[in-house]
Protein backbone atom coordinates (compact mmCIF):
# COMPACT_ATOMS: atom_id res chain seq x y z
CA MET A 1 147.96 93.99 108.22
CA ALA A 2 144.36 94.99 107.50
CA LYS A 3 143.26 94.89 103.89
CA ILE A 4 141.88 98.21 102.63
CA ARG A 5 138.49 97.63 101.03
CA LYS A 6 137.70 99.50 97.87
CA GLU A 7 134.56 101.65 98.11
CA PRO A 8 132.05 100.52 95.46
CA LEU A 9 131.21 103.34 93.05
CA ARG A 10 127.91 103.67 91.23
CA LYS A 11 126.67 106.16 88.65
CA CYS A 12 123.69 108.45 89.25
CA VAL A 13 121.24 107.99 86.35
CA VAL A 14 120.47 111.73 86.30
CA THR A 15 123.84 113.47 86.76
CA GLN A 16 125.94 110.61 85.28
CA GLU A 17 128.46 111.20 88.10
CA GLN A 18 130.23 108.38 89.93
CA HIS A 19 129.70 108.35 93.71
CA PRO A 20 130.31 105.89 96.55
CA LYS A 21 127.30 103.60 96.95
CA LYS A 22 126.55 105.05 100.41
CA GLU A 23 125.95 108.54 98.93
CA LEU A 24 123.26 107.31 96.54
CA ILE A 25 119.70 106.00 96.81
CA ARG A 26 118.94 102.70 95.06
CA ILE A 27 115.60 102.26 93.34
CA VAL A 28 114.74 98.72 92.27
CA LYS A 29 112.35 97.12 89.79
CA ASN A 30 111.84 93.44 90.67
CA ASN A 31 110.65 90.53 88.49
CA GLN A 32 106.99 91.32 89.23
CA GLY A 33 107.49 94.86 87.90
CA ASP A 34 107.19 96.48 91.35
CA VAL A 35 109.31 99.61 91.81
CA PHE A 36 110.50 100.55 95.30
CA VAL A 37 113.29 102.23 97.26
CA ASP A 38 115.97 99.79 98.44
CA PRO A 39 117.65 101.19 101.57
CA THR A 40 119.77 98.03 102.03
CA GLY A 41 121.12 98.03 98.47
CA LYS A 42 120.75 94.25 98.38
CA GLN A 43 117.27 93.60 96.94
CA ASN A 44 116.96 91.50 93.79
CA GLY A 45 116.05 93.25 90.57
CA ARG A 46 117.23 95.96 88.23
CA GLY A 47 118.65 98.87 90.19
CA ALA A 48 119.05 102.54 89.41
CA TYR A 49 120.95 104.99 91.57
CA LEU A 50 120.03 108.58 92.40
CA LYS A 51 122.14 111.21 94.13
CA LYS A 52 120.69 112.23 97.52
CA SER A 53 119.60 115.69 96.38
CA LEU A 54 116.15 117.23 95.93
CA SER A 55 117.25 119.06 92.76
CA VAL A 56 118.40 115.74 91.24
CA LEU A 57 115.08 114.15 92.24
CA GLU A 58 113.13 117.00 90.58
CA LYS A 59 115.19 116.58 87.41
CA ALA A 60 114.57 112.80 87.47
CA ILE A 61 110.81 113.39 87.69
CA LYS A 62 110.84 116.06 84.96
CA THR A 63 112.99 114.12 82.48
CA LYS A 64 111.52 110.69 83.40
CA ARG A 65 115.12 109.44 83.51
CA LEU A 66 114.33 106.81 86.17
CA GLU A 67 111.33 105.53 84.22
CA ARG A 68 113.46 105.12 81.09
CA HIS A 69 116.27 103.43 83.00
CA LEU A 70 113.95 100.92 84.71
CA GLU A 71 111.76 100.64 81.59
CA THR A 72 108.49 101.11 83.49
CA THR A 73 106.18 103.83 84.79
CA ILE A 74 106.93 104.88 88.34
CA ASP A 75 104.16 105.67 90.81
CA SER A 76 104.26 109.05 92.59
CA THR A 77 104.41 107.21 95.95
CA VAL A 78 107.90 105.97 95.01
CA TYR A 79 109.04 109.54 94.31
CA GLU A 80 107.52 110.62 97.63
CA ALA A 81 109.45 107.87 99.45
CA ILE A 82 112.68 109.07 97.80
CA ARG A 83 111.89 112.69 98.72
CA GLN A 84 111.25 111.65 102.35
CA LEU A 85 114.54 109.75 102.47
CA ILE A 86 116.49 112.77 101.18
CA GLU A 87 114.77 115.17 103.60
CA ASP A 88 115.39 112.84 106.57
CA GLU A 89 119.12 112.74 105.84
CA SER A 90 119.61 116.48 105.34
């Protein structure tokens, strides 16, 4: 009998909603303070999850929610990478 694996849930830092890990984008701040998108979900460092939605991304930029969560300033290139990822999937 095959064991049913439980889908890992993570919380979006903007909407505060729980979603399966696959439906979210992981943004990581590593030990050197670099912030980047983690498509594998396995990179070392402090992670924050964002729902794959342009409106959520806009809200994250406006409220600086990601910056507060990762305790650092985030370069616009990171936001552009997230935007590209969302647009590629939709």
